[in-house]
């Protein structure tokens, strides 16, 4: 199987100007790169440079794969699917197209694109070194996005880095330990400045993987929940109470876990008090009992 219905060679990327696609992207994420490469491919086609246009079209498709490490059918999911079929996935890449990925990989310095290429080489070819480099690139890309306040895009990259690191070195390998250390630093920095709706997703990764520091993540979740209730932001606070309960339970502190669950329930009650309708109020009360 192949992504494209025409042949493509690695050398077709030479002098294609693929670097300008990265430079023209408005945000350092692969979905934006996909559009930039697609536009560049159309330009090359209009110039009669068909081989280069095809190679750039392949890059566009590769960057359009939807990263979904949390799904059972992941780590990638089709952007579109229906009765007539689905959009492309990494499994659709032909060996020749994978040769293009391997050719470009060592030539790319951009962390986001390098993470995607390294991931594909590990996923499809079992390339250990590419997998290691992909993990490093995912961490760098996540930190760059964090620094640009693109918080929504950070968790999925960290989660995929954790997955690959675990596959490469086992559940307690040094590479996985490094990934969790980087994630821990991100969480601690966020706790001091910017907590978003996706921050609980990052803590979920630590609760799932970082047994050695579980007490810290329980305490930090409690701290954030208490601070958010003072805002007051009970929606986000209850998410952290739930994480605190889970982390305390994993750390063996069942009493603290029960207390966190009580606080989560009380947060639901506060939301019910301010509910815009009886139906919404009833929903929050029901959630309070379930907590």
C-alpha atoms as a PDB file:
ATOM      1  CA  UNK A   1       0.000   0.000   0.000  1.00  0.00           C
ATOM      2  CA  UNK A   2       1.088   3.581  -0.516  1.00  0.00           C
ATOM      3  CA  UNK A   3      -0.030   7.067   0.479  1.00  0.00           C
ATOM      4  CA  UNK A   4       0.504   8.503  -2.996  1.00  0.00           C
ATOM      5  CA  UNK A   5      -0.555   7.006  -6.309  1.00  0.00           C
ATOM      6  CA  UNK A   6       2.650   8.139  -7.964  1.00  0.00           C
ATOM      7  CA  UNK A   7       6.266   7.180  -7.291  1.00  0.00           C
ATOM      8  CA  UNK A   8       8.481   9.284  -5.069  1.00  0.00           C
ATOM      9  CA  UNK A   9      12.219   9.187  -4.419  1.00  0.00           C
ATOM     10  CA  UNK A  10      14.123  10.562  -1.391  1.00  0.00           C
ATOM     11  CA  UNK A  11      16.224  12.785  -3.615  1.00  0.00           C
ATOM     12  CA  UNK A  12      13.054  14.512  -4.814  1.00  0.00           C
ATOM     13  CA  UNK A  13      13.243  16.522  -1.597  1.00  0.00           C
ATOM     14  CA  UNK A  14      16.566  18.017  -2.631  1.00  0.00           C
ATOM     15  CA  UNK A  15      16.136  21.651  -3.666  1.00  0.00           C
ATOM     16  CA  UNK A  16      12.388  21.370  -3.001  1.00  0.00           C
ATOM     17  CA  UNK A  17      12.590  24.133  -0.415  1.00  0.00           C
ATOM     18  CA  UNK A  18      10.895  22.017   2.262  1.00  0.00           C
ATOM     19  CA  UNK A  19      12.634  24.143   4.902  1.00  0.00           C
ATOM     20  CA  UNK A  20      10.607  27.171   3.813  1.00  0.00           C
ATOM     21  CA  UNK A  21       7.472  25.218   4.661  1.00  0.00           C
ATOM     22  CA  UNK A  22       8.609  25.168   8.272  1.00  0.00           C
ATOM     23  CA  UNK A  23       9.576  28.830   8.175  1.00  0.00           C
ATOM     24  CA  UNK A  24       6.186  29.825   6.771  1.00  0.00           C
ATOM     25  CA  UNK A  25       4.188  27.882   9.366  1.00  0.00           C
ATOM     26  CA  UNK A  26       2.338  30.155  11.772  1.00  0.00           C
ATOM     27  CA  UNK A  27       2.594  27.700  14.678  1.00  0.00           C
ATOM     28  CA  UNK A  28       5.228  24.989  15.362  1.00  0.00           C
ATOM     29  CA  UNK A  29       2.820  22.044  15.183  1.00  0.00           C
ATOM     30  CA  UNK A  30       2.662  19.317  12.559  1.00  0.00           C
ATOM     31  CA  UNK A  31      -0.934  20.072  11.570  1.00  0.00           C
ATOM     32  CA  UNK A  32       0.148  23.584  10.590  1.00  0.00           C
ATOM     33  CA  UNK A  33       3.229  22.167   8.850  1.00  0.00           C
ATOM     34  CA  UNK A  34       0.898  19.944   6.826  1.00  0.00           C
ATOM     35  CA  UNK A  35      -0.882  22.971   5.396  1.00  0.00           C
ATOM     36  CA  UNK A  36       2.408  24.763   4.743  1.00  0.00           C
ATOM     37  CA  UNK A  37       3.854  21.761   2.873  1.00  0.00           C
ATOM     38  CA  UNK A  38       0.634  21.390   0.898  1.00  0.00           C
ATOM     39  CA  UNK A  39       0.791  25.028  -0.195  1.00  0.00           C
ATOM     40  CA  UNK A  40       4.440  24.636  -1.136  1.00  0.00           C
ATOM     41  CA  UNK A  41       3.629  21.479  -3.110  1.00  0.00           C
ATOM     42  CA  UNK A  42       1.048  23.404  -5.142  1.00  0.00           C
ATOM     43  CA  UNK A  43       3.630  26.105  -5.846  1.00  0.00           C
ATOM     44  CA  UNK A  44       6.135  23.558  -7.133  1.00  0.00           C
ATOM     45  CA  UNK A  45       3.490  21.911  -9.274  1.00  0.00           C
ATOM     46  CA  UNK A  46       2.602  25.274 -10.818  1.00  0.00           C
ATOM     47  CA  UNK A  47       6.305  25.721 -11.567  1.00  0.00           C
ATOM     48  CA  UNK A  48       6.376  22.375 -13.371  1.00  0.00           C
ATOM     49  CA  UNK A  49       8.554  20.768 -10.692  1.00  0.00           C
ATOM     50  CA  UNK A  50       6.381  17.694 -10.393  1.00  0.00           C
ATOM     51  CA  UNK A  51       8.803  15.386  -8.555  1.00  0.00           C
ATOM     52  CA  UNK A  52       9.383  17.986  -5.863  1.00  0.00           C
ATOM     53  CA  UNK A  53       5.657  18.660  -5.660  1.00  0.00           C
ATOM     54  CA  UNK A  54       4.990  14.970  -5.023  1.00  0.00           C
ATOM     55  CA  UNK A  55       7.647  14.756  -2.292  1.00  0.00           C
ATOM     56  CA  UNK A  56       6.211  17.820  -0.557  1.00  0.00           C
ATOM     57  CA  UNK A  57       2.706  16.377  -0.840  1.00  0.00           C
ATOM     58  CA  UNK A  58       3.977  13.288   0.969  1.00  0.00           C
ATOM     59  CA  UNK A  59       5.397  15.458   3.756  1.00  0.00           C
ATOM     60  CA  UNK A  60       2.042  17.188   4.016  1.00  0.00           C
ATOM     61  CA  UNK A  61       0.227  13.890   4.508  1.00  0.00           C
ATOM     62  CA  UNK A  62       2.807  12.642   7.015  1.00  0.00           C
ATOM     63  CA  UNK A  63       2.315  15.795   9.074  1.00  0.00           C
ATOM     64  CA  UNK A  64      -1.465  15.457   8.892  1.00  0.00           C
ATOM     65  CA  UNK A  65      -1.564  12.139  10.768  1.00  0.00           C
ATOM     66  CA  UNK A  66      -3.519  12.759  13.979  1.00  0.00           C
ATOM     67  CA  UNK A  67      -1.474  11.801  17.028  1.00  0.00           C
ATOM     68  CA  UNK A  68      -3.732   9.937  19.483  1.00  0.00           C
ATOM     69  CA  UNK A  69      -1.586   7.934  21.940  1.00  0.00           C
ATOM     70  CA  UNK A  70      -4.429   7.582  24.430  1.00  0.00           C
ATOM     71  CA  UNK A  71      -6.676   5.630  22.082  1.00  0.00           C
ATOM     72  CA  UNK A  72      -6.815   1.844  22.005  1.00  0.00           C
ATOM     73  CA  UNK A  73      -6.300   1.970  18.239  1.00  0.00           C
ATOM     74  CA  UNK A  74      -3.540   4.599  18.531  1.00  0.00           C
ATOM     75  CA  UNK A  75      -0.956   6.013  18.552  1.00  0.00           C
ATOM     76  CA  UNK A  76      -2.451   7.600  15.432  1.00  0.00           C
ATOM     77  CA  UNK A  77      -6.054   8.024  14.399  1.00  0.00           C
ATOM     78  CA  UNK A  78      -7.605   8.995  11.067  1.00  0.00           C
ATOM     79  CA  UNK A  79      -8.509  12.636  10.756  1.00  0.00           C
ATOM     80  CA  UNK A  80     -11.623  11.590   8.842  1.00  0.00           C
ATOM     81  CA  UNK A  81     -13.455   8.278   8.602  1.00  0.00           C
ATOM     82  CA  UNK A  82     -16.793   7.093   7.289  1.00  0.00           C
ATOM     83  CA  UNK A  83     -18.603   4.438   5.280  1.00  0.00           C
ATOM     84  CA  UNK A  84     -16.516   5.205   2.207  1.00  0.00           C
ATOM     85  CA  UNK A  85     -13.161   4.901   3.995  1.00  0.00           C
ATOM     86  CA  UNK A  86     -10.741   6.881   6.147  1.00  0.00           C
ATOM     87  CA  UNK A  87      -7.895   9.312   5.836  1.00  0.00           C
ATOM     88  CA  UNK A  88      -4.304   8.104   5.720  1.00  0.00           C
ATOM     89  CA  UNK A  89      -2.448   6.483   8.617  1.00  0.00           C
ATOM     90  CA  UNK A  90       1.229   5.528   9.119  1.00  0.00           C
ATOM     91  CA  UNK A  91       0.426   1.912   8.244  1.00  0.00           C
ATOM     92  CA  UNK A  92      -0.405   3.074   4.721  1.00  0.00           C
ATOM     93  CA  UNK A  93       3.139   4.268   3.991  1.00  0.00           C
ATOM     94  CA  UNK A  94       4.937   2.170   1.402  1.00  0.00           C
ATOM     95  CA  UNK A  95       8.559   1.103   1.811  1.00  0.00           C
ATOM     96  CA  UNK A  96       9.588   3.699  -0.751  1.00  0.00           C
ATOM     97  CA  UNK A  97       7.734   6.405   1.128  1.00  0.00           C
ATOM     98  CA  UNK A  98       9.386   5.281   4.341  1.00  0.00           C
ATOM     99  CA  UNK A  99      12.718   5.691   2.546  1.00  0.00           C
ATOM    100  CA  UNK A 100      11.804   9.354   2.091  1.00  0.00           C
ATOM    101  CA  UNK A 101      11.128   9.625   5.838  1.00  0.00           C
ATOM    102  CA  UNK A 102      14.489   7.997   6.632  1.00  0.00           C
ATOM    103  CA  UNK A 103      16.285  10.267   4.152  1.00  0.00           C
ATOM    104  CA  UNK A 104      14.842  13.444   5.620  1.00  0.00           C
ATOM    105  CA  UNK A 105      15.074  12.508   9.309  1.00  0.00           C
ATOM    106  CA  UNK A 106      18.800  13.253   9.882  1.00  0.00           C
ATOM    107  CA  UNK A 107      18.468  16.479   7.886  1.00  0.00           C
ATOM    108  CA  UNK A 108      15.766  17.980  10.099  1.00  0.00           C
ATOM    109  CA  UNK A 109      16.589  20.205  13.063  1.00  0.00           C
ATOM    110  CA  UNK A 110      13.043  21.311  13.889  1.00  0.00           C
ATOM    111  CA  UNK A 111      11.927  19.393  16.996  1.00  0.00           C
ATOM    112  CA  UNK A 112       8.288  19.007  15.997  1.00  0.00           C
ATOM    113  CA  UNK A 113       8.984  17.551  12.560  1.00  0.00           C
ATOM    114  CA  UNK A 114      11.893  15.495  13.862  1.00  0.00           C
ATOM    115  CA  UNK A 115       9.599  13.946  16.490  1.00  0.00           C
ATOM    116  CA  UNK A 116       7.087  12.956  13.824  1.00  0.00           C
ATOM    117  CA  UNK A 117       9.700  11.400  11.540  1.00  0.00           C
ATOM    118  CA  UNK A 118      11.486   9.570  14.338  1.00  0.00           C
ATOM    119  CA  UNK A 119       8.173   8.263  15.637  1.00  0.00           C
ATOM    120  CA  UNK A 120       7.236   6.883  12.212  1.00  0.00           C
ATOM    121  CA  UNK A 121      10.604   5.179  11.774  1.00  0.00           C
ATOM    122  CA  UNK A 122      10.249   3.538  15.194  1.00  0.00           C
ATOM    123  CA  UNK A 123       6.607   2.595  14.613  1.00  0.00           C
ATOM    124  CA  UNK A 124       7.019   1.195  11.103  1.00  0.00           C
ATOM    125  CA  UNK A 125      10.657   0.108  10.931  1.00  0.00           C
ATOM    126  CA  UNK A 126      11.557  -0.584  14.555  1.00  0.00           C
ATOM    127  CA  UNK A 127      14.472   1.831  14.240  1.00  0.00           C
ATOM    128  CA  UNK A 128      15.738   2.000  17.840  1.00  0.00           C
ATOM    129  CA  UNK A 129      17.961   5.055  17.384  1.00  0.00           C
ATOM    130  CA  UNK A 130      15.202   6.925  15.556  1.00  0.00           C
ATOM    131  CA  UNK A 131      12.852   6.060  18.411  1.00  0.00           C
ATOM    132  CA  UNK A 132      15.294   7.445  20.973  1.00  0.00           C
ATOM    133  CA  UNK A 133      15.782  10.606  18.946  1.00  0.00           C
ATOM    134  CA  UNK A 134      12.029  10.866  18.522  1.00  0.00           C
ATOM    135  CA  UNK A 135      11.520  10.845  22.293  1.00  0.00           C
ATOM    136  CA  UNK A 136      14.101  13.603  22.728  1.00  0.00           C
ATOM    137  CA  UNK A 137      12.452  15.590  19.939  1.00  0.00           C
ATOM    138  CA  UNK A 138       8.978  15.164  21.442  1.00  0.00           C
ATOM    139  CA  UNK A 139      10.256  16.541  24.747  1.00  0.00           C
ATOM    140  CA  UNK A 140      11.915  19.486  23.009  1.00  0.00           C
ATOM    141  CA  UNK A 141       8.780  20.174  20.954  1.00  0.00           C
ATOM    142  CA  UNK A 142       6.609  20.025  24.080  1.00  0.00           C
ATOM    143  CA  UNK A 143       8.863  22.454  25.914  1.00  0.00           C
ATOM    144  CA  UNK A 144       8.927  24.826  22.950  1.00  0.00           C
ATOM    145  CA  UNK A 145       5.116  24.772  22.797  1.00  0.00           C
ATOM    146  CA  UNK A 146       4.968  25.288  26.557  1.00  0.00           C
ATOM    147  CA  UNK A 147       7.209  28.336  26.234  1.00  0.00           C
ATOM    148  CA  UNK A 148       4.951  29.721  23.500  1.00  0.00           C
ATOM    149  CA  UNK A 149       1.874  29.182  25.735  1.00  0.00           C
ATOM    150  CA  UNK A 150       0.512  26.596  23.293  1.00  0.00           C
ATOM    151  CA  UNK A 151      -0.578  24.517  26.281  1.00  0.00           C
ATOM    152  CA  UNK A 152      -3.255  22.512  24.482  1.00  0.00           C
ATOM    153  CA  UNK A 153      -0.670  20.714  22.340  1.00  0.00           C
ATOM    154  CA  UNK A 154       1.728  19.700  25.110  1.00  0.00           C
ATOM    155  CA  UNK A 155       0.097  16.642  26.773  1.00  0.00           C
ATOM    156  CA  UNK A 156      -0.234  14.482  23.666  1.00  0.00           C
ATOM    157  CA  UNK A 157       3.456  14.943  22.809  1.00  0.00           C
ATOM    158  CA  UNK A 158       4.554  14.083  26.330  1.00  0.00           C
ATOM    159  CA  UNK A 159       2.264  11.060  26.363  1.00  0.00           C
ATOM    160  CA  UNK A 160       3.708   9.751  23.107  1.00  0.00           C
ATOM    161  CA  UNK A 161       7.251  10.330  24.389  1.00  0.00           C
ATOM    162  CA  UNK A 162       6.357   8.276  27.472  1.00  0.00           C
ATOM    163  CA  UNK A 163       4.961   5.471  25.312  1.00  0.00           C
ATOM    164  CA  UNK A 164       8.005   5.220  23.087  1.00  0.00           C
ATOM    165  CA  UNK A 165      10.438   5.504  26.009  1.00  0.00           C
ATOM    166  CA  UNK A 166       8.632   2.668  27.806  1.00  0.00           C
ATOM    167  CA  UNK A 167       8.763   0.521  24.680  1.00  0.00           C
ATOM    168  CA  UNK A 168      12.449   1.216  24.155  1.00  0.00           C
ATOM    169  CA  UNK A 169      13.675   0.644  27.678  1.00  0.00           C
ATOM    170  CA  UNK A 170      10.960  -1.057  29.665  1.00  0.00           C
ATOM    171  CA  UNK A 171       8.703   0.400  32.330  1.00  0.00           C
ATOM    172  CA  UNK A 172      11.585   1.739  34.462  1.00  0.00           C
ATOM    173  CA  UNK A 173      14.255   2.521  31.878  1.00  0.00           C
ATOM    174  CA  UNK A 174      16.529   5.554  32.071  1.00  0.00           C
ATOM    175  CA  UNK A 175      14.929   7.202  29.042  1.00  0.00           C
ATOM    176  CA  UNK A 176      11.463   6.930  30.587  1.00  0.00           C
ATOM    177  CA  UNK A 177      12.850   8.285  33.861  1.00  0.00           C
ATOM    178  CA  UNK A 178      14.206  11.294  31.964  1.00  0.00           C
ATOM    179  CA  UNK A 179      10.850  11.912  30.257  1.00  0.00           C
ATOM    180  CA  UNK A 180       9.067  11.871  33.618  1.00  0.00           C
ATOM    181  CA  UNK A 181      11.647  14.255  35.082  1.00  0.00           C
ATOM    182  CA  UNK A 182      11.034  16.721  32.249  1.00  0.00           C
ATOM    183  CA  UNK A 183       7.284  16.384  32.715  1.00  0.00           C
ATOM    184  CA  UNK A 184       7.663  16.929  36.446  1.00  0.00           C
ATOM    185  CA  UNK A 185       9.545  20.166  35.773  1.00  0.00           C
ATOM    186  CA  UNK A 186       6.800  21.358  33.444  1.00  0.00           C
ATOM    187  CA  UNK A 187       4.140  20.625  36.056  1.00  0.00           C
ATOM    188  CA  UNK A 188       6.049  22.397  38.838  1.00  0.00           C
ATOM    189  CA  UNK A 189       6.520  25.457  36.624  1.00  0.00           C
ATOM    190  CA  UNK A 190       2.839  25.506  35.705  1.00  0.00           C
ATOM    191  CA  UNK A 191       1.865  25.300  39.356  1.00  0.00           C
ATOM    192  CA  UNK A 192       3.721  28.568  39.897  1.00  0.00           C
ATOM    193  CA  UNK A 193       2.205  30.414  36.950  1.00  0.00           C
ATOM    194  CA  UNK A 194      -0.332  29.005  34.494  1.00  0.00           C
ATOM    195  CA  UNK A 195      -2.729  26.137  35.195  1.00  0.00           C
ATOM    196  CA  UNK A 196      -4.958  25.190  32.261  1.00  0.00           C
ATOM    197  CA  UNK A 197      -7.666  22.650  31.489  1.00  0.00           C
ATOM    198  CA  UNK A 198      -5.008  20.368  30.000  1.00  0.00           C
ATOM    199  CA  UNK A 199      -2.780  20.433  33.096  1.00  0.00           C
ATOM    200  CA  UNK A 200      -4.712  17.550  34.710  1.00  0.00           C
ATOM    201  CA  UNK A 201      -3.880  15.472  31.613  1.00  0.00           C
ATOM    202  CA  UNK A 202      -0.190  15.920  32.376  1.00  0.00           C
ATOM    203  CA  UNK A 203      -0.662  14.939  36.007  1.00  0.00           C
ATOM    204  CA  UNK A 204      -2.516  11.827  34.823  1.00  0.00           C
ATOM    205  CA  UNK A 205       0.671  10.691  33.084  1.00  0.00           C
ATOM    206  CA  UNK A 206       2.688  11.118  36.285  1.00  0.00           C
ATOM    207  CA  UNK A 207       0.083   9.311  38.373  1.00  0.00           C
ATOM    208  CA  UNK A 208       0.102   6.461  35.885  1.00  0.00           C
ATOM    209  CA  UNK A 209       3.889   6.166  35.604  1.00  0.00           C
ATOM    210  CA  UNK A 210       5.840   7.975  38.331  1.00  0.00           C
ATOM    211  CA  UNK A 211       5.355   5.774  41.400  1.00  0.00           C
ATOM    212  CA  UNK A 212       8.526   7.053  43.068  1.00  0.00           C
ATOM    213  CA  UNK A 213       7.123  10.586  43.413  1.00  0.00           C
ATOM    214  CA  UNK A 214       3.434   9.832  43.907  1.00  0.00           C
ATOM    215  CA  UNK A 215       3.216  11.668  47.248  1.00  0.00           C
ATOM    216  CA  UNK A 216       4.494  14.844  45.567  1.00  0.00           C
ATOM    217  CA  UNK A 217       1.868  14.682  42.819  1.00  0.00           C
ATOM    218  CA  UNK A 218      -0.857  14.059  45.384  1.00  0.00           C
ATOM    219  CA  UNK A 219       0.235  17.092  47.404  1.00  0.00           C
ATOM    220  CA  UNK A 220       0.615  19.281  44.319  1.00  0.00           C
ATOM    221  CA  UNK A 221      -2.852  18.300  43.064  1.00  0.00           C
ATOM    222  CA  UNK A 222      -4.302  19.244  46.453  1.00  0.00           C
ATOM    223  CA  UNK A 223      -2.422  22.538  46.430  1.00  0.00           C
ATOM    224  CA  UNK A 224      -3.744  23.456  42.997  1.00  0.00           C
ATOM    225  CA  UNK A 225      -7.292  22.412  43.899  1.00  0.00           C
ATOM    226  CA  UNK A 226      -7.259  24.620  46.996  1.00  0.00           C
ATOM    227  CA  UNK A 227      -5.832  27.577  45.071  1.00  0.00           C
ATOM    228  CA  UNK A 228      -8.411  27.215  42.307  1.00  0.00           C
ATOM    229  CA  UNK A 229     -11.286  27.135  44.792  1.00  0.00           C
ATOM    230  CA  UNK A 230     -10.163  30.545  46.030  1.00  0.00           C
ATOM    231  CA  UNK A 231     -10.479  31.954  42.496  1.00  0.00           C
ATOM    232  CA  UNK A 232     -13.140  30.412  42.500  1.00  0.00           C
ATOM    233  CA  UNK A 233     -12.851  27.887  39.665  1.00  0.00           C
ATOM    234  CA  UNK A 234     -14.648  24.826  40.939  1.00  0.00           C
ATOM    235  CA  UNK A 235     -14.742  23.153  37.518  1.00  0.00           C
ATOM    236  CA  UNK A 236     -10.960  22.908  37.392  1.00  0.00           C
ATOM    237  CA  UNK A 237     -10.583  22.439  41.150  1.00  0.00           C
ATOM    238  CA  UNK A 238     -12.658  19.262  41.178  1.00  0.00           C
ATOM    239  CA  UNK A 239     -10.445  17.827  38.439  1.00  0.00           C
ATOM    240  CA  UNK A 240      -7.436  18.264  40.716  1.00  0.00           C
ATOM    241  CA  UNK A 241      -9.277  16.860  43.722  1.00  0.00           C
ATOM    242  CA  UNK A 242      -9.941  13.736  41.672  1.00  0.00           C
ATOM    243  CA  UNK A 243      -6.231  13.470  40.786  1.00  0.00           C
ATOM    244  CA  UNK A 244      -5.249  14.052  44.407  1.00  0.00           C
ATOM    245  CA  UNK A 245      -7.535  11.213  45.505  1.00  0.00           C
ATOM    246  CA  UNK A 246      -6.058   8.867  42.931  1.00  0.00           C
ATOM    247  CA  UNK A 247      -2.452   9.786  43.726  1.00  0.00           C
ATOM    248  CA  UNK A 248      -2.988   9.457  47.487  1.00  0.00           C
ATOM    249  CA  UNK A 249      -4.531   6.037  46.927  1.00  0.00           C
ATOM    250  CA  UNK A 250      -1.563   4.889  44.835  1.00  0.00           C
ATOM    251  CA  UNK A 251       0.797   6.248  47.502  1.00  0.00           C
ATOM    252  CA  UNK A 252      -1.012   4.134  50.110  1.00  0.00           C
ATOM    253  CA  UNK A 253      -2.627   7.077  51.927  1.00  0.00           C
ATOM    254  CA  UNK A 254      -6.270   5.991  51.878  1.00  0.00           C
ATOM    255  CA  UNK A 255      -7.380   8.516  54.466  1.00  0.00           C
ATOM    256  CA  UNK A 256      -6.088  11.445  52.406  1.00  0.00           C
ATOM    257  CA  UNK A 257      -7.655   9.865  49.317  1.00  0.00           C
ATOM    258  CA  UNK A 258     -11.087   9.809  50.979  1.00  0.00           C
ATOM    259  CA  UNK A 259     -10.694  13.423  52.099  1.00  0.00           C
ATOM    260  CA  UNK A 260      -9.851  14.484  48.535  1.00  0.00           C
ATOM    261  CA  UNK A 261     -12.957  12.701  47.251  1.00  0.00           C
ATOM    262  CA  UNK A 262     -15.044  14.593  49.816  1.00  0.00           C
ATOM    263  CA  UNK A 263     -13.526  17.859  48.599  1.00  0.00           C
ATOM    264  CA  UNK A 264     -14.327  16.864  45.010  1.00  0.00           C
ATOM    265  CA  UNK A 265     -17.951  16.248  46.010  1.00  0.00           C
ATOM    266  CA  UNK A 266     -18.127  19.622  47.758  1.00  0.00           C
ATOM    267  CA  UNK A 267     -16.816  21.313  44.615  1.00  0.00           C
ATOM    268  CA  UNK A 268     -19.720  19.784  42.701  1.00  0.00           C
ATOM    269  CA  UNK A 269     -22.103  21.176  45.328  1.00  0.00           C
ATOM    270  CA  UNK A 270     -20.640  24.667  44.844  1.00  0.00           C
ATOM    271  CA  UNK A 271     -21.217  24.317  41.095  1.00  0.00           C
ATOM    272  CA  UNK A 272     -24.787  23.215  41.745  1.00  0.00           C
ATOM    273  CA  UNK A 273     -25.404  26.344  43.829  1.00  0.00           C
ATOM    274  CA  UNK A 274     -24.512  28.505  40.821  1.00  0.00           C
ATOM    275  CA  UNK A 275     -26.159  26.298  38.184  1.00  0.00           C
ATOM    276  CA  UNK A 276     -28.167  28.156  35.512  1.00  0.00           C
ATOM    277  CA  UNK A 277     -31.041  25.647  35.592  1.00  0.00           C
ATOM    278  CA  UNK A 278     -32.558  22.914  37.728  1.00  0.00           C
ATOM    279  CA  UNK A 279     -31.457  20.302  35.219  1.00  0.00           C
ATOM    280  CA  UNK A 280     -27.820  21.384  35.407  1.00  0.00           C
ATOM    281  CA  UNK A 281     -28.086  21.636  39.197  1.00  0.00           C
ATOM    282  CA  UNK A 282     -29.411  18.074  39.401  1.00  0.00           C
ATOM    283  CA  UNK A 283     -26.514  16.885  37.235  1.00  0.00           C
ATOM    284  CA  UNK A 284     -23.935  18.443  39.561  1.00  0.00           C
ATOM    285  CA  UNK A 285     -25.651  17.004  42.640  1.00  0.00           C
ATOM    286  CA  UNK A 286     -25.647  13.565  41.071  1.00  0.00           C
ATOM    287  CA  UNK A 287     -21.924  13.928  40.324  1.00  0.00           C
ATOM    288  CA  UNK A 288     -21.328  14.949  43.930  1.00  0.00           C
ATOM    289  CA  UNK A 289     -22.916  11.724  45.169  1.00  0.00           C
ATOM    290  CA  UNK A 290     -20.945   9.680  42.646  1.00  0.00           C
ATOM    291  CA  UNK A 291     -17.671  11.257  43.779  1.00  0.00           C
END
